[in-house]
């Protein structure tokens, strides 16, 4: 399914997608949980797909990651801390 290929080979290079009668079954492994969520949502939004079966594993759960409190020195917008350090 070319729709999810926009995520790039590094993120979704190990996915297999089978489509039958409007049902897309996605199997394989991605780099992170958010990549899995993006792949399944893109599949859902593909014309002709009425159901997505998500059998995708992920290597890292990035739902709980907090942004760094240190901005990149060249980023002029990074003037304040995003996370308070104790």
N, C-alpha and C. Protein backbone atom coordinates (compact mmCIF):
# COMPACT_ATOMS: atom_id res chain seq x y z
N UNK A 1 0.85 -1.16 0.00
CA UNK A 1 0.00 0.00 0.00
C UNK A 1 0.90 1.23 0.00
N UNK A 2 0.83 1.99 -1.07
CA UNK A 2 1.70 3.14 -1.21
C UNK A 2 1.37 4.28 -0.27
N UNK A 3 0.16 4.33 0.26
CA UNK A 3 -0.23 5.42 1.15
C UNK A 3 0.68 5.53 2.35
N UNK A 4 1.04 4.42 2.97
CA UNK A 4 1.89 4.48 4.16
C UNK A 4 3.37 4.58 3.83
N UNK A 5 3.74 4.46 2.57
CA UNK A 5 5.14 4.56 2.19
C UNK A 5 5.71 5.96 2.43
N UNK A 6 4.84 6.96 2.59
CA UNK A 6 5.33 8.32 2.86
C UNK A 6 6.06 8.40 4.19
N UNK A 7 5.89 7.42 5.06
CA UNK A 7 6.57 7.43 6.35
C UNK A 7 8.04 7.07 6.21
N UNK A 8 8.44 6.52 5.09
CA UNK A 8 9.84 6.20 4.84
C UNK A 8 10.22 4.79 5.24
N UNK A 9 11.23 4.26 4.56
CA UNK A 9 11.67 2.89 4.80
C UNK A 9 12.20 2.67 6.21
N UNK A 10 12.84 3.67 6.78
CA UNK A 10 13.39 3.50 8.12
C UNK A 10 12.28 3.26 9.14
N UNK A 11 11.16 3.95 8.98
CA UNK A 11 10.05 3.81 9.92
C UNK A 11 9.21 2.57 9.64
N UNK A 12 8.95 2.28 8.37
CA UNK A 12 7.99 1.22 8.04
C UNK A 12 8.55 0.16 7.10
N UNK A 13 9.84 0.09 6.98
CA UNK A 13 10.47 -0.81 6.03
C UNK A 13 10.17 -2.28 6.23
N UNK A 14 9.71 -2.64 7.41
CA UNK A 14 9.44 -4.06 7.70
C UNK A 14 7.95 -4.34 7.85
N UNK A 15 7.14 -3.63 7.08
CA UNK A 15 5.69 -3.85 7.13
C UNK A 15 5.21 -4.55 5.87
N UNK A 16 4.23 -5.41 6.05
CA UNK A 16 3.54 -6.04 4.94
C UNK A 16 2.08 -5.65 5.03
N UNK A 17 1.51 -5.30 3.89
CA UNK A 17 0.10 -4.91 3.84
C UNK A 17 -0.60 -5.78 2.82
N UNK A 18 -1.67 -6.41 3.25
CA UNK A 18 -2.51 -7.19 2.35
C UNK A 18 -3.89 -6.56 2.36
N UNK A 19 -4.47 -6.39 1.17
CA UNK A 19 -5.80 -5.80 1.06
C UNK A 19 -6.71 -6.80 0.36
N UNK A 20 -7.86 -7.05 0.98
CA UNK A 20 -8.84 -7.95 0.40
C UNK A 20 -10.23 -7.43 0.74
N UNK A 21 -11.02 -7.17 -0.28
CA UNK A 21 -12.40 -6.70 -0.10
C UNK A 21 -12.49 -5.48 0.81
N UNK A 22 -11.55 -4.55 0.66
CA UNK A 22 -11.56 -3.32 1.44
C UNK A 22 -10.98 -3.43 2.83
N UNK A 23 -10.47 -4.61 3.19
CA UNK A 23 -9.86 -4.81 4.50
C UNK A 23 -8.34 -4.87 4.33
N UNK A 24 -7.65 -3.94 4.99
CA UNK A 24 -6.18 -3.91 4.96
C UNK A 24 -5.66 -4.56 6.23
N UNK A 25 -4.84 -5.58 6.07
CA UNK A 25 -4.19 -6.23 7.20
C UNK A 25 -2.72 -5.84 7.17
N UNK A 26 -2.27 -5.17 8.24
CA UNK A 26 -0.89 -4.70 8.31
C UNK A 26 -0.16 -5.53 9.35
N UNK A 27 0.96 -6.13 8.95
CA UNK A 27 1.78 -6.93 9.85
C UNK A 27 3.22 -6.49 9.74
N UNK A 28 4.01 -6.82 10.74
CA UNK A 28 5.42 -6.49 10.73
C UNK A 28 5.83 -5.69 11.94
N UNK A 29 6.92 -4.94 11.78
CA UNK A 29 7.47 -4.19 12.89
C UNK A 29 7.93 -2.82 12.42
N UNK A 30 7.69 -1.81 13.28
CA UNK A 30 8.13 -0.44 13.01
C UNK A 30 9.05 0.02 14.13
N UNK A 31 9.65 1.18 13.94
CA UNK A 31 10.60 1.69 14.92
C UNK A 31 9.97 2.13 16.22
N UNK A 32 8.81 2.76 16.16
CA UNK A 32 8.18 3.27 17.39
C UNK A 32 6.66 3.18 17.32
N UNK A 33 6.04 3.32 18.47
CA UNK A 33 4.59 3.20 18.57
C UNK A 33 3.89 4.27 17.75
N UNK A 34 4.42 5.48 17.72
CA UNK A 34 3.80 6.55 16.94
C UNK A 34 3.83 6.24 15.45
N UNK A 35 4.85 5.55 14.97
CA UNK A 35 4.92 5.15 13.56
C UNK A 35 3.82 4.14 13.26
N UNK A 36 3.58 3.23 14.20
CA UNK A 36 2.49 2.26 14.03
C UNK A 36 1.15 2.98 13.92
N UNK A 37 0.94 3.93 14.79
CA UNK A 37 -0.31 4.68 14.79
C UNK A 37 -0.49 5.46 13.48
N UNK A 38 0.59 6.08 12.99
CA UNK A 38 0.51 6.80 11.72
C UNK A 38 0.22 5.86 10.56
N UNK A 39 0.88 4.71 10.53
CA UNK A 39 0.68 3.76 9.43
C UNK A 39 -0.76 3.27 9.39
N UNK A 40 -1.32 2.94 10.55
CA UNK A 40 -2.70 2.44 10.56
C UNK A 40 -3.69 3.55 10.23
N UNK A 41 -3.42 4.76 10.68
CA UNK A 41 -4.33 5.87 10.37
C UNK A 41 -4.28 6.22 8.88
N UNK A 42 -3.09 6.21 8.29
CA UNK A 42 -2.99 6.46 6.85
C UNK A 42 -3.72 5.37 6.06
N UNK A 43 -3.60 4.14 6.51
CA UNK A 43 -4.31 3.04 5.83
C UNK A 43 -5.82 3.25 5.93
N UNK A 44 -6.30 3.65 7.10
CA UNK A 44 -7.74 3.90 7.29
C UNK A 44 -8.27 4.98 6.35
N UNK A 45 -7.44 5.96 6.05
CA UNK A 45 -7.86 7.09 5.23
C UNK A 45 -7.67 6.83 3.72
N UNK A 46 -7.21 5.67 3.37
CA UNK A 46 -7.01 5.33 1.97
C UNK A 46 -8.36 5.01 1.33
N UNK A 47 -8.66 5.64 0.20
CA UNK A 47 -9.93 5.36 -0.48
C UNK A 47 -10.09 3.86 -0.76
N UNK A 48 -11.27 3.34 -0.44
CA UNK A 48 -11.57 1.93 -0.66
C UNK A 48 -11.34 1.05 0.55
N UNK A 49 -10.59 1.55 1.54
CA UNK A 49 -10.35 0.76 2.75
C UNK A 49 -11.50 1.01 3.73
N UNK A 50 -12.13 -0.08 4.15
CA UNK A 50 -13.25 0.04 5.09
C UNK A 50 -12.88 -0.44 6.49
N UNK A 51 -11.78 -1.19 6.59
CA UNK A 51 -11.35 -1.72 7.88
C UNK A 51 -9.86 -1.96 7.84
N UNK A 52 -9.19 -1.72 8.97
CA UNK A 52 -7.76 -2.00 9.08
C UNK A 52 -7.54 -2.95 10.25
N UNK A 53 -6.85 -4.04 9.98
CA UNK A 53 -6.46 -4.98 11.02
C UNK A 53 -4.99 -4.71 11.33
N UNK A 54 -4.73 -4.27 12.55
CA UNK A 54 -3.39 -3.84 12.98
C UNK A 54 -2.69 -4.97 13.72
N UNK A 55 -1.73 -5.61 13.05
CA UNK A 55 -0.90 -6.65 13.67
C UNK A 55 0.55 -6.19 13.70
N UNK A 56 0.77 -4.92 13.97
CA UNK A 56 2.09 -4.31 13.91
C UNK A 56 2.71 -4.24 15.30
N UNK A 57 3.96 -4.66 15.39
CA UNK A 57 4.75 -4.55 16.62
C UNK A 57 5.63 -3.31 16.50
N UNK A 58 6.06 -2.77 17.65
CA UNK A 58 6.95 -1.62 17.63
C UNK A 58 8.11 -1.85 18.59
N UNK A 59 9.25 -1.19 18.29
CA UNK A 59 10.46 -1.36 19.09
C UNK A 59 10.47 -0.46 20.32
N UNK A 60 9.93 0.77 20.19
CA UNK A 60 10.01 1.73 21.28
C UNK A 60 8.64 2.40 21.48
N UNK A 61 8.21 2.46 22.74
CA UNK A 61 6.97 3.16 23.09
C UNK A 61 7.33 4.62 23.34
N UNK A 62 7.06 5.47 22.37
CA UNK A 62 7.40 6.88 22.50
C UNK A 62 6.24 7.72 23.02
N UNK A 63 5.19 7.10 23.51
CA UNK A 63 4.07 7.85 24.09
C UNK A 63 4.46 8.56 25.37
N UNK A 64 5.36 8.00 26.14
CA UNK A 64 5.71 8.55 27.45
C UNK A 64 6.96 9.42 27.43
N UNK A 65 7.54 9.65 26.27
CA UNK A 65 8.76 10.45 26.21
C UNK A 65 8.43 11.92 26.39
N UNK A 66 9.22 12.61 27.19
CA UNK A 66 9.04 14.05 27.41
C UNK A 66 10.06 14.82 26.58
N UNK A 67 9.71 16.01 26.11
CA UNK A 67 10.69 16.80 25.36
C UNK A 67 11.86 17.20 26.25
N UNK A 68 12.99 17.36 25.66
CA UNK A 68 14.18 17.78 26.37
C UNK A 68 14.01 19.20 26.88
N UNK A 69 14.61 19.51 28.02
CA UNK A 69 14.52 20.86 28.56
C UNK A 69 15.56 21.78 27.94
N UNK A 70 16.42 21.23 27.14
CA UNK A 70 17.48 22.02 26.52
C UNK A 70 17.22 22.15 25.03
N UNK A 71 17.00 23.36 24.58
CA UNK A 71 16.80 23.60 23.15
C UNK A 71 18.12 23.57 22.43
N UNK A 72 18.05 23.41 21.14
CA UNK A 72 19.25 23.44 20.32
C UNK A 72 19.79 24.86 20.31
N UNK A 73 21.09 25.05 20.46
CA UNK A 73 21.66 26.39 20.55
C UNK A 73 21.35 27.29 19.35
N UNK A 74 21.15 26.70 18.19
CA UNK A 74 20.88 27.52 17.01
C UNK A 74 19.40 27.83 16.82
N UNK A 75 18.55 27.31 17.72
CA UNK A 75 17.11 27.55 17.61
C UNK A 75 16.75 28.78 18.42
N UNK A 76 16.46 29.88 17.74
CA UNK A 76 16.15 31.14 18.43
C UNK A 76 14.84 31.08 19.20
N UNK A 77 13.99 30.11 18.86
CA UNK A 77 12.71 29.98 19.57
C UNK A 77 12.86 29.26 20.89
N UNK A 78 13.96 28.58 21.10
CA UNK A 78 14.18 27.79 22.32
C UNK A 78 14.75 28.70 23.41
N UNK A 79 13.93 29.60 23.91
CA UNK A 79 14.40 30.56 24.90
C UNK A 79 14.02 30.17 26.31
N UNK A 80 13.07 29.26 26.48
CA UNK A 80 12.64 28.84 27.81
C UNK A 80 12.69 27.33 27.91
N UNK A 81 12.79 26.84 29.13
CA UNK A 81 12.78 25.40 29.36
C UNK A 81 11.39 24.84 29.11
N UNK A 82 11.31 23.71 28.44
CA UNK A 82 10.04 23.03 28.21
C UNK A 82 9.63 22.16 29.38
N UNK A 83 10.62 21.63 30.10
CA UNK A 83 10.38 20.77 31.24
C UNK A 83 11.16 21.32 32.42
N UNK A 84 10.49 21.49 33.53
CA UNK A 84 11.16 22.00 34.73
C UNK A 84 12.00 20.89 35.34
N UNK A 85 13.26 21.19 35.58
CA UNK A 85 14.14 20.23 36.21
C UNK A 85 14.13 20.46 37.71
N UNK A 86 14.10 19.39 38.49
CA UNK A 86 14.09 19.51 39.96
C UNK A 86 15.48 19.40 40.51
